Amino acid sequence: MSTSSSTTGSGTTDGLPFYGHVIAGQEVPSIDGATMASVDPFTRRPWATVALGGQKEADLAVAAAREAFDSGPWPRMGFEKRQAVLHRLADLMEEHADELALADTHDMGKPVTQAHHDVARSVWNFRFFADHARLATGDVYPMDSGHHAYTRYDAAGVVVAISPWNFPLMMSTWKVAPALAWGNTVVLKPAEDTPVSATVLARLAVEAGLPPGVLNVVHGYGPDSVGSALTSHPDVDRITFTGESGTGRVISAAAARNLVPVSLELGGKGANIVFDDADVDNAVHWAVEAIFRNAGQVCLAGSRLYVQRGIYDEFMTRYKAAAEALVVGDPKDPATQFSAALASQEHFTKVKSFFSPESLGGGTVVTGGLLGGEDGEGWGVSPTIIADTAPDARVVKEEIFGPVVVATVFDTEDEVVGLANDTPYGLNAMVFTENLSRAHRVSGRLKAGTVWVNCFFIRDLRAPFGGVGDSGVGREGGTFSREFFTEPKAVVMQITR
């Protein structure tokens, strides 16, 4: 994004639509009038103007959220009324699905059909957590001493939610929905590269009837900007972040100074294991989804593919053909399956660096590479499969966050479990086998927060979501979200005298 100081408002002097901060129920420009351009990665031209905030906007947003929590109706209106408001917001999101989907498509180049899928998942996040909070039960602890003990789950307070650029709307709602459902107030900072859907969401929240200050959105950068101002703010009670592992460490250190609990969902280097008894058609289908969906810009991507020797040649032939059959094109075209542009020039440059001979570690590019040849055309990378790579090569060890998979042959179960666990990351893994005992056995041995067996990216919002090692701290989803976004309280009563 580039910064400027163009006039703010619903229409700007540059002729582009304007998207402001939403603070205390009002959409506002930055105090100093600063703006930034949101660039469409496919056209490589600005398509929207966005308010660029800093310390002052962060302070205003936190103050609005603090007042709304301490004095406003939201934490006090009860689960049933909050449930109704959140369902109204979900209804409005469905009515504005095209607007929300195109916002993410313009901002990061996501194929619009996939963006619509993200909108549907985002709607479900609100509906699920609204219902979950309403229906959840506490615990009762029978005591023999004439006392009665039970638990309460009271809202924690002001939540700072920092969402990533790869699933802008969906990951924002994954954080915002449970926080709101349990009675918290929220300050959402979307990634600076993908800000627009957050403002649209906040506009809809106001229309749905969320009281002022309950959901605030501030735009800006991370270090020395809105991000650092929010994560170090003394009036914040919870911080939830999804993004790069190094940034997670910085946020964790800032939060520790104020003893603020954090939930961190960070990077990944997912292992996709295909045993020789797998359904090959099914395994190929999901292997394509696991690395080429969203152009591989997924923390859960199956970027390390391990195929047992008995089916390796057959699998690779089918896999290469499936990768090459993907329809590459304009992400705004509903027929496009794979965007011809990564999310930004900066990210394209990073992914491009993995094609150097040093990074490949002697590996062979089976198919794919930079769109347009050696220098690339635009910011595009084709669906890429690499084979015969040294086990310590950069493409094997580091998170690429692009449409690049490294395929490796293996012989035994022990061997592949060792290879899969040979990483500082531990977010997810996949296992393809028709042997039920093996599926359970290998799933138990893998160092990962989620293991998908014979599928990928299937979610039950009751289940814990998160990773180990460099992939993060904590879990969210269902009661795990409840425990993070509330202060569990024990109440112990004497009932006899």
Protein backbone atom coordinates (compact mmCIF):
# COMPACT_ATOMS: atom_id res chain seq x y z
CA MET A 1 0.00 0.00 0.00
CA SER A 2 1.08 3.53 -0.63
CA THR A 3 0.29 6.44 1.64
CA SER A 4 -1.16 9.79 0.72
CA SER A 5 -3.16 12.65 2.20
CA SER A 6 -6.09 12.82 -0.21
CA THR A 7 -9.42 14.23 0.93
CA THR A 8 -11.47 11.71 2.88
CA GLY A 9 -15.16 10.97 2.71
CA SER A 10 -17.50 8.67 0.80
CA GLY A 11 -15.84 9.88 -2.41
CA THR A 12 -12.24 11.05 -2.62
CA THR A 13 -10.37 13.44 -4.84
CA ASP A 14 -8.71 10.52 -6.59
CA GLY A 15 -12.13 9.18 -7.60
CA LEU A 16 -11.78 5.94 -5.63
CA PRO A 17 -14.24 4.76 -2.98
CA PHE A 18 -13.21 5.62 0.57
CA TYR A 19 -13.21 3.25 3.54
CA GLY A 20 -12.68 4.77 6.96
CA HIS A 21 -12.12 3.66 10.51
CA VAL A 22 -15.26 2.73 12.42
CA ILE A 23 -15.00 4.03 15.98
CA ALA A 24 -17.86 4.30 18.47
CA GLY A 25 -20.38 3.46 15.77
CA GLN A 26 -19.21 6.15 13.31
CA GLU A 27 -17.15 5.78 10.15
CA VAL A 28 -14.44 8.42 10.36
CA PRO A 29 -11.27 9.53 8.58
CA SER A 30 -7.93 9.69 10.35
CA ILE A 31 -7.42 12.72 12.56
CA ASP A 32 -4.60 14.00 10.35
CA GLY A 33 -6.40 13.03 7.13
CA ALA A 34 -3.78 10.40 6.21
CA THR A 35 -4.85 7.68 3.80
CA MET A 36 -3.40 4.66 2.05
CA ALA A 37 -4.22 3.11 -1.30
CA SER A 38 -5.51 -0.44 -1.47
CA VAL A 39 -3.96 -2.05 -4.54
CA ASP A 40 -5.69 -4.72 -6.63
CA PRO A 41 -2.88 -7.26 -7.20
CA PHE A 42 -4.31 -8.46 -10.51
CA THR A 43 -4.46 -5.01 -12.11
CA ARG A 44 -1.59 -3.71 -9.93
CA ARG A 45 -3.49 -0.44 -9.56
CA PRO A 46 -5.19 1.23 -6.56
CA TRP A 47 -8.90 0.47 -6.38
CA ALA A 48 -9.83 2.04 -3.01
CA THR A 49 -8.63 4.69 -0.59
CA VAL A 50 -8.45 3.71 3.08
CA ALA A 51 -7.94 5.76 6.24
CA LEU A 52 -4.42 5.35 7.63
CA GLY A 53 -4.40 5.47 11.40
CA GLY A 54 -1.82 5.55 14.17
CA GLN A 55 -1.55 5.94 17.91
CA LYS A 56 -4.41 8.47 18.17
CA GLU A 57 -6.90 6.29 16.29
CA ALA A 58 -5.86 3.25 18.35
CA ASP A 59 -6.41 5.19 21.56
CA LEU A 60 -9.83 6.39 20.42
CA ALA A 61 -10.92 2.89 19.41
CA VAL A 62 -9.79 1.32 22.68
CA ALA A 63 -11.46 4.11 24.65
CA ALA A 64 -14.71 3.53 22.76
CA ALA A 65 -14.52 -0.22 23.36
CA ARG A 66 -13.66 0.34 27.03
CA GLU A 67 -16.63 2.64 27.59
CA ALA A 68 -18.96 0.29 25.72
CA PHE A 69 -17.82 -2.60 27.90
CA ASP A 70 -17.73 -0.78 31.24
CA SER A 71 -20.91 1.28 30.83
CA GLY A 72 -22.77 0.14 27.72
CA PRO A 73 -25.57 -2.38 27.28
CA TRP A 74 -23.76 -5.08 25.29
CA PRO A 75 -22.21 -7.11 28.15
CA ARG A 76 -25.43 -6.71 30.16
CA MET A 77 -28.13 -7.46 27.60
CA GLY A 78 -27.86 -11.22 28.00
CA PHE A 79 -27.14 -14.05 25.61
CA GLU A 80 -30.56 -14.17 23.94
CA LYS A 81 -30.57 -10.52 22.89
CA ARG A 82 -26.95 -10.65 21.74
CA GLN A 83 -27.79 -13.80 19.78
CA ALA A 84 -30.58 -11.95 17.95
CA VAL A 85 -28.34 -9.01 17.03
CA LEU A 86 -25.56 -11.27 15.76
CA HIS A 87 -28.03 -13.22 13.64
CA ARG A 88 -29.24 -9.92 12.16
CA LEU A 89 -25.64 -9.14 11.29
CA ALA A 90 -25.29 -12.56 9.64
CA ASP A 91 -28.46 -11.87 7.63
CA LEU A 92 -27.02 -8.56 6.42
CA MET A 93 -23.77 -10.25 5.46
CA GLU A 94 -25.70 -12.67 3.30
CA GLU A 95 -27.53 -9.75 1.66
CA HIS A 96 -24.18 -8.04 1.00
CA ALA A 97 -22.31 -11.21 0.00
CA ASP A 98 -21.27 -9.86 -3.40
CA GLU A 99 -19.86 -6.67 -1.87
CA LEU A 100 -17.93 -8.57 0.79
CA ALA A 101 -16.58 -11.17 -1.63
CA LEU A 102 -15.45 -8.59 -4.20
CA ALA A 103 -13.75 -6.58 -1.46
CA ASP A 104 -11.45 -9.50 -0.66
CA THR A 105 -11.00 -10.33 -4.33
CA HIS A 106 -9.93 -6.77 -5.13
CA ASP A 107 -7.73 -6.52 -2.06
CA MET A 108 -5.76 -9.77 -2.33
CA GLY A 109 -6.55 -11.44 -5.64
CA LYS A 110 -8.60 -14.30 -4.23
CA PRO A 111 -10.77 -15.96 -6.92
CA VAL A 112 -14.27 -14.58 -6.41
CA THR A 113 -15.85 -18.03 -6.18
CA GLN A 114 -13.53 -18.81 -3.27
CA ALA A 115 -14.25 -15.39 -1.76
CA HIS A 116 -17.97 -16.22 -1.78
CA HIS A 117 -17.15 -19.44 0.06
CA ASP A 118 -15.29 -17.33 2.63
CA VAL A 119 -18.35 -15.10 3.06
CA ALA A 120 -20.53 -18.15 3.72
CA ARG A 121 -18.03 -19.41 6.30
CA SER A 122 -17.94 -15.94 7.88
CA VAL A 123 -21.72 -15.87 8.17
CA TRP A 124 -21.60 -19.28 9.81
CA ASN A 125 -18.99 -18.03 12.30
CA PHE A 126 -21.49 -15.46 13.58
CA ARG A 127 -24.44 -17.84 13.61
CA PHE A 128 -22.51 -20.63 15.32
CA PHE A 129 -20.96 -18.55 18.08
CA ALA A 130 -24.18 -16.61 18.71
CA ASP A 131 -25.95 -19.94 19.25
CA HIS A 132 -23.05 -21.57 21.07
CA ALA A 133 -22.85 -18.81 23.67
CA ARG A 134 -26.62 -18.92 24.16
CA LEU A 135 -26.72 -22.70 24.62
CA ALA A 136 -23.45 -23.35 26.46
CA THR A 137 -23.65 -24.68 29.98
CA GLY A 138 -21.43 -24.21 33.01
CA ASP A 139 -20.28 -26.79 35.52
CA VAL A 140 -21.68 -27.75 38.91
CA TYR A 141 -19.40 -29.34 41.50
CA PRO A 142 -21.22 -31.40 44.14
CA MET A 143 -19.67 -30.95 47.56
CA ASP A 144 -20.22 -33.00 50.73
CA SER A 145 -19.51 -30.16 53.17
CA GLY A 146 -22.79 -28.31 52.91
CA HIS A 147 -21.58 -26.15 50.07
CA HIS A 148 -22.50 -25.77 46.42
CA ALA A 149 -20.01 -24.72 43.70
CA TYR A 150 -20.57 -23.74 40.12
CA THR A 151 -18.88 -21.82 37.29
CA ARG A 152 -19.69 -18.59 35.50
CA TYR A 153 -18.17 -17.38 32.25
CA ASP A 154 -18.12 -13.60 32.27
CA ALA A 155 -16.87 -11.52 29.36
CA ALA A 156 -13.16 -10.66 29.60
CA GLY A 157 -13.44 -7.04 28.43
CA VAL A 158 -11.81 -5.26 25.50
CA VAL A 159 -10.49 -7.61 22.82
CA VAL A 160 -7.94 -6.61 20.20
CA ALA A 161 -8.28 -8.80 17.09
CA ILE A 162 -5.56 -8.63 14.43
CA SER A 163 -6.45 -10.54 11.28
CA PRO A 164 -4.31 -11.68 8.34
CA TRP A 165 -4.41 -10.75 4.67
CA ASN A 166 -4.97 -14.23 3.21
CA PHE A 167 -8.54 -14.73 4.50
CA PRO A 168 -9.43 -11.14 5.38
CA LEU A 169 -13.14 -11.49 6.18
CA MET A 170 -13.22 -15.09 7.32
CA MET A 171 -10.37 -14.80 9.84
CA SER A 172 -11.71 -11.48 11.13
CA THR A 173 -15.07 -13.06 11.89
CA TRP A 174 -13.42 -16.13 13.44
CA LYS A 175 -12.09 -13.75 16.09
CA VAL A 176 -14.85 -11.15 16.29
CA ALA A 177 -17.84 -13.50 16.44
CA PRO A 178 -16.99 -15.43 19.62
CA ALA A 179 -15.66 -12.33 21.35
CA LEU A 180 -18.94 -10.50 20.74
CA ALA A 181 -21.13 -13.50 21.49
CA TRP A 182 -19.65 -13.75 24.98
CA GLY A 183 -20.25 -10.06 25.67
CA ASN A 184 -16.87 -8.50 24.93
CA THR A 185 -16.20 -5.37 22.92
CA VAL A 186 -13.69 -5.51 20.06
CA VAL A 187 -11.12 -3.43 18.26
CA LEU A 188 -10.36 -5.10 14.93
CA LYS A 189 -7.21 -4.23 13.00
CA PRO A 190 -7.23 -5.91 9.58
CA ALA A 191 -4.03 -6.41 7.62
CA GLU A 192 -3.00 -3.21 5.87
CA ASP A 193 -3.02 -4.98 2.49
CA THR A 194 -6.63 -6.16 2.84
CA PRO A 195 -8.60 -3.58 4.83
CA VAL A 196 -11.85 -3.07 2.96
CA SER A 197 -14.03 -5.99 4.06
CA ALA A 198 -13.44 -5.05 7.71
CA THR A 199 -14.97 -1.61 7.18
CA VAL A 200 -17.90 -3.14 5.28
CA LEU A 201 -18.40 -5.62 8.15
CA ALA A 202 -18.40 -2.79 10.70
CA ARG A 203 -20.90 -0.79 8.65
CA LEU A 204 -23.21 -3.80 8.64
CA ALA A 205 -22.70 -4.28 12.38
CA VAL A 206 -23.94 -0.74 13.00
CA GLU A 207 -26.94 -1.41 10.78
CA ALA A 208 -27.63 -4.66 12.63
CA GLY A 209 -27.92 -2.77 15.91
CA LEU A 210 -24.62 -3.33 17.69
CA PRO A 211 -24.31 -0.47 20.20
CA PRO A 212 -21.60 2.17 19.57
CA GLY A 213 -18.13 1.02 20.55
CA VAL A 214 -18.93 -2.69 20.56
CA LEU A 215 -17.15 -3.33 17.24
CA ASN A 216 -14.49 -0.84 16.18
CA VAL A 217 -12.19 -1.05 13.15
CA VAL A 218 -8.91 0.81 12.81
CA HIS A 219 -6.64 0.67 9.77
CA GLY A 220 -2.90 0.98 9.67
CA TYR A 221 0.40 -0.81 9.82
CA GLY A 222 1.90 -2.99 12.54
CA PRO A 223 5.25 -1.79 13.95
CA ASP A 224 5.29 1.82 15.16
CA SER A 225 1.66 2.19 14.06
CA VAL A 226 -1.80 0.98 14.95
CA GLY A 227 -0.70 -2.60 15.56
CA SER A 228 1.93 -1.83 18.18
CA ALA A 229 -0.30 0.81 19.78
CA LEU A 230 -3.08 -1.74 20.26
CA THR A 231 -0.95 -4.66 21.47
CA SER A 232 0.80 -2.53 24.10
CA HIS A 233 -2.31 -0.66 25.26
CA PRO A 234 -2.95 -0.93 29.03
CA ASP A 235 -6.76 -0.94 28.63
CA VAL A 236 -6.83 -4.12 26.52
CA ASP A 237 -7.89 -7.42 28.13
CA ARG A 238 -7.30 -9.96 25.35
CA ILE A 239 -5.29 -10.10 22.12
CA THR A 240 -5.98 -12.59 19.34
CA PHE A 241 -3.65 -12.64 16.33
CA THR A 242 -3.27 -14.68 13.18
CA GLY A 243 -0.17 -14.15 11.08
CA GLU A 244 3.56 -14.73 10.76
CA SER A 245 5.44 -16.44 13.58
CA GLY A 246 7.97 -13.62 14.05
CA THR A 247 5.19 -11.08 14.44
CA GLY A 248 3.53 -13.38 16.95
CA ARG A 249 6.65 -13.28 19.11
CA VAL A 250 6.65 -9.47 19.04
CA ILE A 251 2.97 -9.32 20.00
CA SER A 252 3.45 -11.87 22.77
CA ALA A 253 6.30 -9.82 24.25
CA ALA A 254 4.24 -6.62 24.13
CA ALA A 255 1.23 -8.30 25.73
CA ALA A 256 3.37 -9.84 28.47
CA ARG A 257 4.32 -6.41 29.76
CA ASN A 258 0.65 -5.83 30.63
CA LEU A 259 -0.02 -9.50 31.52
CA VAL A 260 -2.61 -9.68 28.73
CA PRO A 261 -3.55 -13.21 27.58
CA VAL A 262 -2.88 -13.88 23.91
CA SER A 263 -4.12 -16.38 21.36
CA LEU A 264 -1.68 -16.78 18.49
CA GLU A 265 -2.34 -18.76 15.30
CA LEU A 266 0.90 -18.51 13.38
CA GLY A 267 2.73 -20.09 10.46
CA GLY A 268 2.74 -23.63 9.19
CA LYS A 269 4.55 -26.13 7.01
CA GLY A 270 1.90 -28.80 6.76
CA ALA A 271 2.78 -32.40 5.88
CA ASN A 272 0.49 -34.22 3.46
CA ILE A 273 1.08 -37.98 3.77
CA VAL A 274 -0.25 -40.36 1.11
CA PHE A 275 0.10 -44.07 1.85
CA ASP A 276 0.07 -46.63 -0.94
CA ASP A 277 -3.36 -47.93 0.09
CA ALA A 278 -4.97 -44.49 -0.33
CA ASP A 279 -7.80 -43.73 -2.73
CA VAL A 280 -5.59 -42.01 -5.30
CA ASP A 281 -8.34 -39.96 -6.92
CA ASN A 282 -9.39 -38.58 -3.54
CA ALA A 283 -5.81 -37.96 -2.45
CA VAL A 284 -4.98 -36.08 -5.64
CA HIS A 285 -8.10 -33.93 -5.32
CA TRP A 286 -7.27 -32.89 -1.78
CA ALA A 287 -3.57 -32.47 -2.52
CA VAL A 288 -4.54 -29.89 -5.15
CA GLU A 289 -6.86 -28.11 -2.71
CA ALA A 290 -4.29 -28.22 0.07
CA ILE A 291 -1.62 -26.24 -1.76
CA PHE A 292 -3.21 -24.51 -4.74
CA ARG A 293 -6.41 -23.15 -3.18
CA ASN A 294 -5.97 -19.42 -2.56
CA ALA A 295 -2.68 -19.77 -4.48
CA GLY A 296 -1.14 -21.53 -1.50
CA GLN A 297 -1.51 -18.42 0.64
CA VAL A 298 -2.84 -20.51 3.50
CA CYS A 299 -1.18 -21.20 6.85
CA LEU A 300 -2.69 -24.70 6.66
CA ALA A 301 -1.27 -25.43 3.20
CA GLY A 302 -0.03 -28.95 2.58
CA SER A 303 3.30 -27.71 1.27
CA ARG A 304 5.27 -30.88 2.08
CA LEU A 305 3.89 -33.87 0.17
CA TYR A 306 5.05 -37.37 1.12
CA VAL A 307 3.95 -40.23 -1.14
CA GLN A 308 4.71 -43.90 -0.46
CA ARG A 309 6.90 -45.54 -3.06
CA GLY A 310 4.30 -48.08 -4.24
CA ILE A 311 2.09 -45.38 -5.81
CA TYR A 312 4.55 -42.50 -6.17
CA ASP A 313 4.83 -42.56 -9.97
CA GLU A 314 1.09 -42.97 -10.55
CA PHE A 315 0.24 -40.29 -8.02
CA MET A 316 2.70 -37.76 -9.41
CA THR A 317 1.43 -38.27 -12.96
CA ARG A 318 -2.15 -37.59 -11.91
CA TYR A 319 -1.14 -34.76 -9.58
CA LYS A 320 0.83 -32.94 -12.27
CA ALA A 321 -2.08 -33.24 -14.69
CA ALA A 322 -4.55 -31.92 -12.12
CA ALA A 323 -2.32 -28.95 -11.30
CA GLU A 324 -1.91 -28.08 -14.96
CA ALA A 325 -5.67 -28.34 -15.54
CA LEU A 326 -6.50 -25.53 -13.09
CA VAL A 327 -8.04 -22.51 -14.81
CA VAL A 328 -5.66 -19.59 -14.23
CA GLY A 329 -6.97 -16.08 -14.80
CA ASP A 330 -8.62 -12.92 -13.55
CA PRO A 331 -9.79 -13.57 -9.99
CA LYS A 332 -12.97 -11.59 -10.65
CA ASP A 333 -14.00 -14.11 -13.32
CA PRO A 334 -16.20 -16.81 -11.72
CA ALA A 335 -14.57 -19.40 -14.00
CA THR A 336 -11.12 -18.76 -12.51
CA GLN A 337 -9.89 -21.49 -10.17
CA PHE A 338 -6.40 -20.08 -9.60
CA SER A 339 -5.57 -16.39 -9.48
CA ALA A 340 -2.92 -15.07 -11.86
CA ALA A 341 -1.60 -12.81 -9.09
CA LEU A 342 -0.37 -13.27 -5.54
CA ALA A 343 -1.62 -10.86 -2.89
CA SER A 344 1.03 -8.15 -3.23
CA GLN A 345 4.29 -7.27 -4.93
CA GLU A 346 6.14 -7.73 -1.66
CA HIS A 347 4.74 -11.22 -1.22
CA PHE A 348 5.40 -12.13 -4.86
CA THR A 349 9.04 -11.15 -4.38
CA LYS A 350 9.28 -13.42 -1.34
CA VAL A 351 7.74 -16.43 -3.12
CA LYS A 352 9.88 -15.79 -6.21
CA SER A 353 13.03 -16.09 -4.09
CA PHE A 354 12.28 -19.78 -3.47
CA PHE A 355 12.93 -20.55 -7.14
CA SER A 356 16.65 -19.78 -6.86
CA PRO A 357 18.99 -22.78 -7.26
CA GLU A 358 20.15 -22.36 -3.67
CA SER A 359 16.59 -22.50 -2.35
CA LEU A 360 15.64 -25.51 -4.49
CA GLY A 361 18.50 -27.56 -3.04
CA GLY A 362 18.98 -29.56 -6.22
CA GLY A 363 15.28 -30.12 -6.69
CA THR A 364 13.48 -30.27 -10.03
CA VAL A 365 10.47 -28.16 -10.95
CA VAL A 366 8.07 -30.81 -12.26
CA THR A 367 5.53 -28.21 -13.34
CA GLY A 368 4.84 -24.56 -12.71
CA GLY A 369 7.11 -21.64 -11.97
CA LEU A 370 6.74 -17.92 -12.41
CA LEU A 371 3.93 -16.82 -14.69
CA GLY A 372 5.45 -15.12 -17.72
CA GLY A 373 8.86 -16.74 -17.49
CA GLU A 374 11.98 -16.06 -15.46
CA ASP A 375 11.10 -12.50 -14.45
CA GLY A 376 7.40 -13.18 -13.90
CA GLU A 377 4.42 -11.47 -15.46
CA GLY A 378 2.62 -9.31 -12.98
CA TRP A 379 2.77 -10.92 -9.56
CA GLY A 380 1.83 -14.45 -10.59
CA VAL A 381 3.21 -17.90 -9.76
CA SER A 382 1.79 -21.01 -11.46
CA PRO A 383 0.75 -24.10 -9.51
CA THR A 384 4.22 -25.53 -8.85
CA ILE A 385 5.37 -29.04 -7.94
CA ILE A 386 9.01 -29.62 -6.98
CA ALA A 387 10.61 -33.05 -6.57
CA ASP A 388 13.98 -34.65 -5.70
CA THR A 389 14.89 -31.91 -3.25
CA ALA A 390 17.48 -32.19 -0.49
CA PRO A 391 15.79 -32.61 2.91
CA ASP A 392 17.47 -29.48 4.28
CA ALA A 393 16.62 -27.28 1.28
CA ARG A 394 14.99 -23.92 1.96
CA VAL A 395 11.84 -24.93 0.06
CA VAL A 396 11.45 -27.87 2.45
CA LYS A 397 12.21 -26.06 5.69
CA GLU A 398 10.67 -22.58 5.36
CA GLU A 399 7.07 -21.50 5.01
CA ILE A 400 6.70 -20.30 1.40
CA PHE A 401 3.05 -19.23 1.64
CA GLY A 402 2.60 -19.66 -2.08
CA PRO A 403 1.47 -22.29 -4.60
CA VAL A 404 4.62 -24.39 -4.25
CA VAL A 405 4.68 -27.98 -2.99
CA VAL A 406 7.71 -30.24 -2.47
CA ALA A 407 7.06 -33.94 -3.19
CA THR A 408 9.13 -36.65 -1.47
CA VAL A 409 8.96 -40.41 -1.73
CA PHE A 410 8.97 -42.54 1.44
CA ASP A 411 8.96 -46.24 2.30
CA THR A 412 7.84 -46.82 5.89
CA GLU A 413 5.43 -45.36 8.41
CA ASP A 414 8.18 -44.59 10.90
CA GLU A 415 10.19 -42.83 8.21
CA VAL A 416 7.37 -40.53 7.12
CA VAL A 417 6.31 -39.66 10.66
CA GLY A 418 9.89 -38.62 11.35
CA LEU A 419 9.99 -36.50 8.18
CA ALA A 420 6.62 -34.91 8.92
CA ASN A 421 7.63 -33.95 12.47
CA ASP A 422 11.03 -32.60 11.40
CA THR A 423 9.89 -28.97 11.49
CA PRO A 424 9.54 -26.20 14.08
CA TYR A 425 5.92 -25.79 12.94
CA GLY A 426 2.98 -27.86 14.11
CA LEU A 427 -0.25 -26.42 12.80
CA ASN A 428 -1.75 -29.25 10.75
CA ALA A 429 -1.16 -32.40 8.74
CA MET A 430 -3.05 -34.70 6.39
CA VAL A 431 -3.10 -38.48 6.18
CA PHE A 432 -4.49 -40.46 3.24
CA THR A 433 -5.02 -44.15 3.85
CA GLU A 434 -7.84 -46.71 3.77
CA ASN A 435 -6.36 -48.52 6.78
CA LEU A 436 -8.35 -47.39 9.82
CA SER A 437 -5.77 -48.50 12.36
CA ARG A 438 -3.00 -46.69 10.51
CA ALA A 439 -5.12 -43.54 10.27
CA HIS A 440 -5.59 -43.43 14.05
CA ARG A 441 -2.02 -44.48 14.79
CA VAL A 442 -0.33 -41.92 12.53
CA SER A 443 -2.71 -39.13 13.55
CA GLY A 444 -1.69 -39.70 17.14
CA ARG A 445 2.02 -39.54 16.33
CA LEU A 446 1.97 -36.34 14.27
CA LYS A 447 2.99 -33.08 15.94
CA ALA A 448 0.08 -30.94 14.78
CA GLY A 449 -2.93 -29.09 16.14
CA THR A 450 -5.21 -30.56 13.46
CA VAL A 451 -4.90 -33.78 11.45
CA TRP A 452 -7.21 -34.29 8.50
CA VAL A 453 -7.69 -37.89 7.37
CA ASN A 454 -8.70 -38.35 3.72
CA CYS A 455 -9.78 -34.69 3.46
CA PHE A 456 -8.59 -31.11 4.00
CA PHE A 457 -9.96 -27.80 5.34
CA ILE A 458 -13.09 -29.39 6.79
CA ARG A 459 -14.01 -27.58 9.99
CA ASP A 460 -16.29 -28.23 12.92
CA LEU A 461 -16.43 -24.96 14.86
CA ARG A 462 -16.73 -26.86 18.14
CA ALA A 463 -13.26 -28.36 17.67
CA PRO A 464 -10.02 -26.77 18.94
CA PHE A 465 -8.04 -24.84 16.33
CA GLY A 466 -4.41 -23.82 16.73
CA GLY A 467 -0.90 -25.16 16.59
CA VAL A 468 2.20 -26.13 18.52
CA GLY A 469 5.77 -24.88 18.35
CA ASP A 470 6.24 -22.00 15.92
CA SER A 471 2.61 -22.42 14.83
CA GLY A 472 1.23 -20.65 17.85
CA VAL A 473 -0.10 -20.56 21.38
CA GLY A 474 -3.58 -21.53 22.54
CA ARG A 475 -6.70 -22.85 20.86
CA GLU A 476 -9.94 -21.27 19.66
CA GLY A 477 -13.26 -22.81 18.64
CA GLY A 478 -16.31 -23.84 20.66
CA THR A 479 -15.60 -23.98 24.39
CA PHE A 480 -11.94 -23.18 23.70
CA SER A 481 -13.02 -19.77 22.41
CA ARG A 482 -15.27 -19.39 25.45
CA GLU A 483 -12.38 -19.96 27.83
CA PHE A 484 -10.18 -17.44 26.03
CA PHE A 485 -12.74 -14.68 25.61
CA THR A 486 -14.17 -14.98 29.15
CA GLU A 487 -12.94 -14.97 32.73
CA PRO A 488 -14.08 -18.31 34.13
CA LYS A 489 -15.21 -17.78 37.69
CA ALA A 490 -15.87 -20.25 40.50
CA VAL A 491 -18.76 -19.44 42.82
CA VAL A 492 -18.81 -21.38 46.09
CA MET A 493 -21.91 -21.08 48.31
CA GLN A 494 -22.68 -22.35 51.77
CA ILE A 495 -26.14 -23.93 51.73
CA THR A 496 -26.30 -25.31 55.30
CA ARG A 497 -25.59 -23.66 58.64
